[in-house]
């Protein structure tokens, strides 16, 4: 479903601010893989997602989605392949639009547009059923402006919007990091449920090593722009946080995981 070969990316090359963000990334995801991605700050995790979606061009290498080479496609032409949820809950929704209007935008994505205004009765009923899964009471607030909702409620709606069309690839960039623990747990549970129900191929960045071990069928660790560890199946299920810390210290020549990883 996703094939990345020999991808390099350096920001500000030849200057005092030169940063090698990705240093020869090779990564293949099979259809239905749910891969968690961990690593310290500056490891290249978010840059990897931005390379896939076309936010930045690669210096060299190739990226394919479902066998289609998208390496040189602009960001807007790649968008149809992806669903993405960012760390900031305010990013994925239109604050001045109603809940049903936001969901309608996602439901009609990639479809022929018409001059018909508003949200149909059928769509509202479908949206109510979707929102019931959140268990946040939002199914009775379809006409509420999204900007009036809490960060957790907005992130949950963003997640629904990102998965409605069963994208080729779902990209989750620390999508619970800005939420309180209780809300984060609920959003993560919903994430797992939606991914399983749709068999959606997923890359999820997290600083929480327990979540990285518990969720998905595969885990990769990044350091200094490289993938230094890739584990799946039963080996992943038997992992402990202490194992990851030991592996990180070994791969990084004794450098310890940063505070954010430890606190998570």
C-alpha atoms as a PDB file:
ATOM      1  CA  UNK A   1       0.000   0.000   0.000  1.00  0.00           C
ATOM      2  CA  UNK A   2       2.896   2.357   0.769  1.00  0.00           C
ATOM      3  CA  UNK A   3       6.400   1.927  -0.619  1.00  0.00           C
ATOM      4  CA  UNK A   4       9.180   4.368   0.244  1.00  0.00           C
ATOM      5  CA  UNK A   5      12.621   3.770  -1.245  1.00  0.00           C
ATOM      6  CA  UNK A   6      15.839   5.663  -0.553  1.00  0.00           C
ATOM      7  CA  UNK A   7      14.187   8.919   0.528  1.00  0.00           C
ATOM      8  CA  UNK A   8      16.487  11.723   1.673  1.00  0.00           C
ATOM      9  CA  UNK A   9      15.583  15.226   2.807  1.00  0.00           C
ATOM     10  CA  UNK A  10      17.902  18.010   3.980  1.00  0.00           C
ATOM     11  CA  UNK A  11      16.608  21.412   5.035  1.00  0.00           C
ATOM     12  CA  UNK A  12      18.733  24.548   4.496  1.00  0.00           C
ATOM     13  CA  UNK A  13      21.547  22.644   2.745  1.00  0.00           C
ATOM     14  CA  UNK A  14      24.952  24.299   2.721  1.00  0.00           C
ATOM     15  CA  UNK A  15      24.078  26.716   5.539  1.00  0.00           C
ATOM     16  CA  UNK A  16      24.807  26.855   9.252  1.00  0.00           C
ATOM     17  CA  UNK A  17      21.205  25.691   9.783  1.00  0.00           C
ATOM     18  CA  UNK A  18      21.573  22.566   7.637  1.00  0.00           C
ATOM     19  CA  UNK A  19      19.478  19.709   8.981  1.00  0.00           C
ATOM     20  CA  UNK A  20      19.387  16.183   7.559  1.00  0.00           C
ATOM     21  CA  UNK A  21      15.807  15.310   8.389  1.00  0.00           C
ATOM     22  CA  UNK A  22      15.568  12.005   6.499  1.00  0.00           C
ATOM     23  CA  UNK A  23      18.635   9.928   5.755  1.00  0.00           C
ATOM     24  CA  UNK A  24      17.825   7.046   3.413  1.00  0.00           C
ATOM     25  CA  UNK A  25      14.340   5.923   4.431  1.00  0.00           C
ATOM     26  CA  UNK A  26      13.160   2.549   3.156  1.00  0.00           C
ATOM     27  CA  UNK A  27       9.696   1.549   4.327  1.00  0.00           C
ATOM     28  CA  UNK A  28       6.965  -0.705   2.956  1.00  0.00           C
ATOM     29  CA  UNK A  29       3.462  -0.983   4.421  1.00  0.00           C
ATOM     30  CA  UNK A  30       1.163  -3.800   3.390  1.00  0.00           C
ATOM     31  CA  UNK A  31      -2.566  -3.360   2.970  1.00  0.00           C
ATOM     32  CA  UNK A  32      -4.165  -3.110   6.427  1.00  0.00           C
ATOM     33  CA  UNK A  33      -0.943  -2.492   8.365  1.00  0.00           C
ATOM     34  CA  UNK A  34      -1.340  -0.310  11.458  1.00  0.00           C
ATOM     35  CA  UNK A  35       2.154   0.996  12.175  1.00  0.00           C
ATOM     36  CA  UNK A  36       3.046   3.068  15.227  1.00  0.00           C
ATOM     37  CA  UNK A  37       6.073   5.364  14.923  1.00  0.00           C
ATOM     38  CA  UNK A  38       8.167   6.488  17.886  1.00  0.00           C
ATOM     39  CA  UNK A  39      11.389   8.462  18.325  1.00  0.00           C
ATOM     40  CA  UNK A  40      12.826  11.529  19.992  1.00  0.00           C
ATOM     41  CA  UNK A  41      12.332  15.128  18.902  1.00  0.00           C
ATOM     42  CA  UNK A  42      14.004  15.740  15.549  1.00  0.00           C
ATOM     43  CA  UNK A  43      14.068  12.039  14.649  1.00  0.00           C
ATOM     44  CA  UNK A  44      12.244  12.724  11.372  1.00  0.00           C
ATOM     45  CA  UNK A  45       8.792  11.367  12.240  1.00  0.00           C
ATOM     46  CA  UNK A  46       6.676  14.321  11.110  1.00  0.00           C
ATOM     47  CA  UNK A  47       9.000  14.986   8.175  1.00  0.00           C
ATOM     48  CA  UNK A  48       8.327  11.433   7.011  1.00  0.00           C
ATOM     49  CA  UNK A  49       4.585  12.103   6.953  1.00  0.00           C
ATOM     50  CA  UNK A  50       5.128  15.441   5.215  1.00  0.00           C
ATOM     51  CA  UNK A  51       7.225  13.751   2.523  1.00  0.00           C
ATOM     52  CA  UNK A  52       4.475  11.202   1.911  1.00  0.00           C
ATOM     53  CA  UNK A  53       1.761  13.862   1.606  1.00  0.00           C
ATOM     54  CA  UNK A  54       3.894  16.198  -0.522  1.00  0.00           C
ATOM     55  CA  UNK A  55       4.230  19.091   1.910  1.00  0.00           C
ATOM     56  CA  UNK A  56       7.935  19.086   0.978  1.00  0.00           C
ATOM     57  CA  UNK A  57       9.592  17.573  -2.102  1.00  0.00           C
ATOM     58  CA  UNK A  58      12.082  14.759  -1.549  1.00  0.00           C
ATOM     59  CA  UNK A  59      15.745  15.358  -2.396  1.00  0.00           C
ATOM     60  CA  UNK A  60      15.938  11.875  -3.902  1.00  0.00           C
ATOM     61  CA  UNK A  61      14.184   8.541  -3.653  1.00  0.00           C
ATOM     62  CA  UNK A  62      10.646   7.444  -4.519  1.00  0.00           C
ATOM     63  CA  UNK A  63       7.220   7.163  -2.890  1.00  0.00           C
ATOM     64  CA  UNK A  64       4.426   4.926  -4.184  1.00  0.00           C
ATOM     65  CA  UNK A  65       0.846   4.508  -2.979  1.00  0.00           C
ATOM     66  CA  UNK A  66      -0.899   1.307  -4.055  1.00  0.00           C
ATOM     67  CA  UNK A  67       1.638   0.940  -6.867  1.00  0.00           C
ATOM     68  CA  UNK A  68       1.195   4.518  -8.108  1.00  0.00           C
ATOM     69  CA  UNK A  69       4.329   6.680  -8.132  1.00  0.00           C
ATOM     70  CA  UNK A  70       3.446   9.945  -6.392  1.00  0.00           C
ATOM     71  CA  UNK A  71       7.012  11.170  -5.812  1.00  0.00           C
ATOM     72  CA  UNK A  72       6.659  14.223  -8.045  1.00  0.00           C
ATOM     73  CA  UNK A  73       2.960  14.908  -7.608  1.00  0.00           C
ATOM     74  CA  UNK A  74       2.032  18.218  -5.902  1.00  0.00           C
ATOM     75  CA  UNK A  75       0.343  18.059  -2.526  1.00  0.00           C
ATOM     76  CA  UNK A  76      -3.183  18.775  -3.806  1.00  0.00           C
ATOM     77  CA  UNK A  77      -3.028  15.896  -6.300  1.00  0.00           C
ATOM     78  CA  UNK A  78      -1.959  13.454  -3.572  1.00  0.00           C
ATOM     79  CA  UNK A  79      -4.669  14.524  -1.139  1.00  0.00           C
ATOM     80  CA  UNK A  80      -7.231  12.026  -2.491  1.00  0.00           C
ATOM     81  CA  UNK A  81      -5.127   9.135  -1.232  1.00  0.00           C
ATOM     82  CA  UNK A  82      -4.841  10.260   2.397  1.00  0.00           C
ATOM     83  CA  UNK A  83      -6.720  10.974   5.566  1.00  0.00           C
ATOM     84  CA  UNK A  84      -4.677  12.960   8.083  1.00  0.00           C
ATOM     85  CA  UNK A  85      -5.177  14.098  11.656  1.00  0.00           C
ATOM     86  CA  UNK A  86      -2.749  16.611  13.158  1.00  0.00           C
ATOM     87  CA  UNK A  87      -1.690  17.256  16.735  1.00  0.00           C
ATOM     88  CA  UNK A  88      -3.622  20.537  16.911  1.00  0.00           C
ATOM     89  CA  UNK A  89      -7.369  19.796  17.308  1.00  0.00           C
ATOM     90  CA  UNK A  90      -8.166  23.138  15.655  1.00  0.00           C
ATOM     91  CA  UNK A  91      -6.513  22.164  12.358  1.00  0.00           C
ATOM     92  CA  UNK A  92      -8.819  19.520  10.886  1.00  0.00           C
ATOM     93  CA  UNK A  93     -12.214  21.236  11.016  1.00  0.00           C
ATOM     94  CA  UNK A  94     -13.818  24.504   9.870  1.00  0.00           C
ATOM     95  CA  UNK A  95     -14.685  26.358  13.085  1.00  0.00           C
ATOM     96  CA  UNK A  96     -17.367  28.613  11.561  1.00  0.00           C
ATOM     97  CA  UNK A  97     -19.268  25.719  10.015  1.00  0.00           C
ATOM     98  CA  UNK A  98     -21.748  23.379  11.697  1.00  0.00           C
ATOM     99  CA  UNK A  99     -20.899  19.803  12.672  1.00  0.00           C
ATOM    100  CA  UNK A 100     -23.085  18.382   9.882  1.00  0.00           C
ATOM    101  CA  UNK A 101     -21.529  20.759   7.342  1.00  0.00           C
ATOM    102  CA  UNK A 102     -18.013  19.659   8.288  1.00  0.00           C
ATOM    103  CA  UNK A 103     -19.010  16.013   7.964  1.00  0.00           C
ATOM    104  CA  UNK A 104     -20.703  16.700   4.618  1.00  0.00           C
ATOM    105  CA  UNK A 105     -17.470  18.169   3.253  1.00  0.00           C
ATOM    106  CA  UNK A 106     -15.654  14.964   4.164  1.00  0.00           C
ATOM    107  CA  UNK A 107     -18.444  12.715   2.834  1.00  0.00           C
ATOM    108  CA  UNK A 108     -18.477  14.480  -0.550  1.00  0.00           C
ATOM    109  CA  UNK A 109     -14.721  14.581  -0.929  1.00  0.00           C
ATOM    110  CA  UNK A 110     -13.665  13.509  -4.423  1.00  0.00           C
ATOM    111  CA  UNK A 111     -17.271  13.295  -5.636  1.00  0.00           C
ATOM    112  CA  UNK A 112     -19.000  15.366  -8.307  1.00  0.00           C
ATOM    113  CA  UNK A 113     -20.211  18.659  -6.835  1.00  0.00           C
ATOM    114  CA  UNK A 114     -23.659  20.074  -7.619  1.00  0.00           C
ATOM    115  CA  UNK A 115     -25.477  23.351  -7.034  1.00  0.00           C
ATOM    116  CA  UNK A 116     -27.582  21.716  -4.322  1.00  0.00           C
ATOM    117  CA  UNK A 117     -27.310  23.619  -1.069  1.00  0.00           C
ATOM    118  CA  UNK A 118     -27.143  22.342   2.471  1.00  0.00           C
ATOM    119  CA  UNK A 119     -27.087  18.877   3.995  1.00  0.00           C
ATOM    120  CA  UNK A 120     -29.732  16.353   3.014  1.00  0.00           C
ATOM    121  CA  UNK A 121     -32.006  14.554   5.487  1.00  0.00           C
ATOM    122  CA  UNK A 122     -30.401  11.247   4.543  1.00  0.00           C
ATOM    123  CA  UNK A 123     -26.922  12.630   5.227  1.00  0.00           C
ATOM    124  CA  UNK A 124     -28.005  13.957   8.622  1.00  0.00           C
ATOM    125  CA  UNK A 125     -29.289  10.527   9.647  1.00  0.00           C
ATOM    126  CA  UNK A 126     -26.019   8.938   8.540  1.00  0.00           C
ATOM    127  CA  UNK A 127     -24.029  11.538  10.453  1.00  0.00           C
ATOM    128  CA  UNK A 128     -26.078  10.943  13.598  1.00  0.00           C
ATOM    129  CA  UNK A 129     -25.219   7.252  13.494  1.00  0.00           C
ATOM    130  CA  UNK A 130     -21.541   8.040  13.036  1.00  0.00           C
ATOM    131  CA  UNK A 131     -21.512  10.540  15.887  1.00  0.00           C
ATOM    132  CA  UNK A 132     -23.170   8.070  18.254  1.00  0.00           C
ATOM    133  CA  UNK A 133     -19.957   6.037  18.112  1.00  0.00           C
ATOM    134  CA  UNK A 134     -18.153   8.908  19.827  1.00  0.00           C
ATOM    135  CA  UNK A 135     -20.410   8.727  22.874  1.00  0.00           C
ATOM    136  CA  UNK A 136     -20.042  12.493  23.283  1.00  0.00           C
ATOM    137  CA  UNK A 137     -23.675  13.491  22.727  1.00  0.00           C
ATOM    138  CA  UNK A 138     -22.793  15.239  19.473  1.00  0.00           C
ATOM    139  CA  UNK A 139     -25.428  13.371  17.483  1.00  0.00           C
ATOM    140  CA  UNK A 140     -27.946  15.794  19.009  1.00  0.00           C
ATOM    141  CA  UNK A 141     -25.888  18.873  18.156  1.00  0.00           C
ATOM    142  CA  UNK A 142     -25.565  18.604  14.377  1.00  0.00           C
ATOM    143  CA  UNK A 143     -26.209  22.314  13.829  1.00  0.00           C
ATOM    144  CA  UNK A 144     -23.733  23.500  16.480  1.00  0.00           C
ATOM    145  CA  UNK A 145     -20.708  25.428  15.235  1.00  0.00           C
ATOM    146  CA  UNK A 146     -17.581  23.284  15.516  1.00  0.00           C
ATOM    147  CA  UNK A 147     -15.704  26.249  16.989  1.00  0.00           C
ATOM    148  CA  UNK A 148     -17.850  25.961  20.131  1.00  0.00           C
ATOM    149  CA  UNK A 149     -16.700  22.395  20.843  1.00  0.00           C
ATOM    150  CA  UNK A 150     -13.860  21.279  23.093  1.00  0.00           C
ATOM    151  CA  UNK A 151     -10.505  20.226  21.663  1.00  0.00           C
ATOM    152  CA  UNK A 152     -11.279  16.562  22.265  1.00  0.00           C
ATOM    153  CA  UNK A 153     -14.669  16.796  20.559  1.00  0.00           C
ATOM    154  CA  UNK A 154     -13.129  18.522  17.545  1.00  0.00           C
ATOM    155  CA  UNK A 155     -10.357  15.940  17.304  1.00  0.00           C
ATOM    156  CA  UNK A 156     -12.895  13.117  17.419  1.00  0.00           C
ATOM    157  CA  UNK A 157     -14.859  14.734  14.576  1.00  0.00           C
ATOM    158  CA  UNK A 158     -11.632  15.241  12.610  1.00  0.00           C
ATOM    159  CA  UNK A 159     -10.906  11.534  13.001  1.00  0.00           C
ATOM    160  CA  UNK A 160     -14.361  10.654  11.679  1.00  0.00           C
ATOM    161  CA  UNK A 161     -13.847  12.996   8.731  1.00  0.00           C
ATOM    162  CA  UNK A 162     -10.425  11.521   7.947  1.00  0.00           C
ATOM    163  CA  UNK A 163     -11.759   7.948   7.832  1.00  0.00           C
ATOM    164  CA  UNK A 164     -15.188   8.413   6.210  1.00  0.00           C
ATOM    165  CA  UNK A 165     -13.957   7.657   2.696  1.00  0.00           C
ATOM    166  CA  UNK A 166     -11.645   4.798   3.743  1.00  0.00           C
ATOM    167  CA  UNK A 167      -8.447   6.481   2.522  1.00  0.00           C
ATOM    168  CA  UNK A 168      -5.594   4.506   0.995  1.00  0.00           C
ATOM    169  CA  UNK A 169      -3.488   5.638   3.950  1.00  0.00           C
ATOM    170  CA  UNK A 170      -4.387   7.255   7.280  1.00  0.00           C
ATOM    171  CA  UNK A 171      -1.715   9.475   8.825  1.00  0.00           C
ATOM    172  CA  UNK A 172      -1.971  10.335  12.528  1.00  0.00           C
ATOM    173  CA  UNK A 173       0.583  12.904  13.697  1.00  0.00           C
ATOM    174  CA  UNK A 174       0.468  12.743  17.518  1.00  0.00           C
ATOM    175  CA  UNK A 175      -3.258  13.311  17.257  1.00  0.00           C
ATOM    176  CA  UNK A 176      -3.892  12.881  21.008  1.00  0.00           C
ATOM    177  CA  UNK A 177      -0.880  14.816  22.334  1.00  0.00           C
ATOM    178  CA  UNK A 178      -2.844  18.024  22.968  1.00  0.00           C
ATOM    179  CA  UNK A 179      -5.708  16.295  24.801  1.00  0.00           C
ATOM    180  CA  UNK A 180      -6.172  15.537  28.485  1.00  0.00           C
ATOM    181  CA  UNK A 181      -5.497  11.874  29.422  1.00  0.00           C
ATOM    182  CA  UNK A 182      -9.146  10.832  29.679  1.00  0.00           C
ATOM    183  CA  UNK A 183     -10.096  12.391  26.337  1.00  0.00           C
ATOM    184  CA  UNK A 184      -6.922  11.076  24.711  1.00  0.00           C
ATOM    185  CA  UNK A 185      -7.813   7.545  25.810  1.00  0.00           C
ATOM    186  CA  UNK A 186     -11.298   7.877  24.304  1.00  0.00           C
ATOM    187  CA  UNK A 187      -9.948   9.236  20.994  1.00  0.00           C
ATOM    188  CA  UNK A 188      -7.348   6.438  20.845  1.00  0.00           C
ATOM    189  CA  UNK A 189     -10.030   3.828  21.454  1.00  0.00           C
ATOM    190  CA  UNK A 190     -12.109   5.330  18.650  1.00  0.00           C
ATOM    191  CA  UNK A 191      -9.025   5.379  16.438  1.00  0.00           C
ATOM    192  CA  UNK A 192      -8.435   1.672  16.942  1.00  0.00           C
ATOM    193  CA  UNK A 193     -12.104   0.909  16.326  1.00  0.00           C
ATOM    194  CA  UNK A 194     -12.335   2.906  13.071  1.00  0.00           C
ATOM    195  CA  UNK A 195      -9.070   1.513  11.701  1.00  0.00           C
ATOM    196  CA  UNK A 196     -10.109  -2.060  12.461  1.00  0.00           C
ATOM    197  CA  UNK A 197     -13.607  -1.619  11.037  1.00  0.00           C
ATOM    198  CA  UNK A 198     -12.324  -0.159   7.776  1.00  0.00           C
ATOM    199  CA  UNK A 199      -9.087  -2.196   7.611  1.00  0.00           C
ATOM    200  CA  UNK A 200      -7.344   1.139   6.963  1.00  0.00           C
ATOM    201  CA  UNK A 201      -3.595   1.157   6.400  1.00  0.00           C
ATOM    202  CA  UNK A 202      -2.248   3.556   9.035  1.00  0.00           C
ATOM    203  CA  UNK A 203       0.902   5.346  10.170  1.00  0.00           C
ATOM    204  CA  UNK A 204       0.534   6.770  13.691  1.00  0.00           C
ATOM    205  CA  UNK A 205       3.218   8.925  15.298  1.00  0.00           C
ATOM    206  CA  UNK A 206       3.224   8.910  19.081  1.00  0.00           C
ATOM    207  CA  UNK A 207       5.551   9.754  21.968  1.00  0.00           C
ATOM    208  CA  UNK A 208       3.706   7.353  24.223  1.00  0.00           C
ATOM    209  CA  UNK A 209       5.650   4.094  24.179  1.00  0.00           C
ATOM    210  CA  UNK A 210       2.860   2.153  25.923  1.00  0.00           C
ATOM    211  CA  UNK A 211       0.402   3.191  23.212  1.00  0.00           C
ATOM    212  CA  UNK A 212       2.953   2.369  20.509  1.00  0.00           C
ATOM    213  CA  UNK A 213       3.273  -1.164  21.888  1.00  0.00           C
ATOM    214  CA  UNK A 214      -0.429  -1.703  22.588  1.00  0.00           C
ATOM    215  CA  UNK A 215      -1.848  -0.432  19.295  1.00  0.00           C
ATOM    216  CA  UNK A 216      -1.304  -1.725  15.784  1.00  0.00           C
ATOM    217  CA  UNK A 217       0.460  -4.761  14.378  1.00  0.00           C
ATOM    218  CA  UNK A 218       3.850  -3.150  13.789  1.00  0.00           C
ATOM    219  CA  UNK A 219       6.169  -0.621  15.446  1.00  0.00           C
ATOM    220  CA  UNK A 220       9.056   1.372  14.003  1.00  0.00           C
ATOM    221  CA  UNK A 221      11.534   3.545  15.874  1.00  0.00           C
ATOM    222  CA  UNK A 222      13.278   6.504  14.237  1.00  0.00           C
ATOM    223  CA  UNK A 223      16.493   8.257  15.179  1.00  0.00           C
ATOM    224  CA  UNK A 224      18.498  10.896  13.314  1.00  0.00           C
ATOM    225  CA  UNK A 225      16.406  10.595  10.161  1.00  0.00           C
ATOM    226  CA  UNK A 226      16.647   6.813   9.969  1.00  0.00           C
ATOM    227  CA  UNK A 227      14.473   3.835  10.852  1.00  0.00           C
ATOM    228  CA  UNK A 228      16.550   2.017  13.457  1.00  0.00           C
ATOM    229  CA  UNK A 229      14.037  -0.574  14.606  1.00  0.00           C
ATOM    230  CA  UNK A 230      11.113  -2.364  12.950  1.00  0.00           C
ATOM    231  CA  UNK A 231       9.155  -5.054  14.797  1.00  0.00           C
ATOM    232  CA  UNK A 232       5.804  -6.752  14.247  1.00  0.00           C
ATOM    233  CA  UNK A 233       3.640  -9.729  15.161  1.00  0.00           C
ATOM    234  CA  UNK A 234       4.243 -11.666  18.351  1.00  0.00           C
ATOM    235  CA  UNK A 235       7.598  -9.970  18.915  1.00  0.00           C
ATOM    236  CA  UNK A 236       5.801  -6.630  19.160  1.00  0.00           C
ATOM    237  CA  UNK A 237       3.144  -8.007  21.516  1.00  0.00           C
ATOM    238  CA  UNK A 238       5.866  -9.191  23.902  1.00  0.00           C
ATOM    239  CA  UNK A 239       7.631  -5.826  24.009  1.00  0.00           C
ATOM    240  CA  UNK A 240       7.911  -3.704  27.153  1.00  0.00           C
ATOM    241  CA  UNK A 241       8.753  -0.030  27.527  1.00  0.00           C
ATOM    242  CA  UNK A 242      12.075  -1.009  29.117  1.00  0.00           C
ATOM    243  CA  UNK A 243      12.919  -2.944  25.939  1.00  0.00           C
ATOM    244  CA  UNK A 244      12.305   0.133  23.797  1.00  0.00           C
ATOM    245  CA  UNK A 245      14.389   2.349  26.061  1.00  0.00           C
ATOM    246  CA  UNK A 246      17.242  -0.142  25.917  1.00  0.00           C
ATOM    247  CA  UNK A 247      17.002  -0.386  22.134  1.00  0.00           C
ATOM    248  CA  UNK A 248      16.907   3.397  21.801  1.00  0.00           C
ATOM    249  CA  UNK A 249      19.974   3.837  23.998  1.00  0.00           C
ATOM    250  CA  UNK A 250      21.852   1.165  22.058  1.00  0.00           C
ATOM    251  CA  UNK A 251      20.966   2.505  18.605  1.00  0.00           C
ATOM    252  CA  UNK A 252      21.724   6.105  19.591  1.00  0.00           C
ATOM    253  CA  UNK A 253      25.126   5.294  21.094  1.00  0.00           C
ATOM    254  CA  UNK A 254      24.055   5.797  24.675  1.00  0.00           C
ATOM    255  CA  UNK A 255      21.817   8.821  24.168  1.00  0.00           C
ATOM    256  CA  UNK A 256      18.736   8.447  26.352  1.00  0.00           C
ATOM    257  CA  UNK A 257      15.179   8.990  25.235  1.00  0.00           C
ATOM    258  CA  UNK A 258      14.037  12.568  25.732  1.00  0.00           C
ATOM    259  CA  UNK A 259      11.813  13.721  28.587  1.00  0.00           C
ATOM    260  CA  UNK A 260       8.725  13.813  26.415  1.00  0.00           C
ATOM    261  CA  UNK A 261       9.037  10.116  25.585  1.00  0.00           C
ATOM    262  CA  UNK A 262       9.741   9.271  29.211  1.00  0.00           C
ATOM    263  CA  UNK A 263       6.824  11.265  30.626  1.00  0.00           C
ATOM    264  CA  UNK A 264       4.438   9.836  28.045  1.00  0.00           C
END
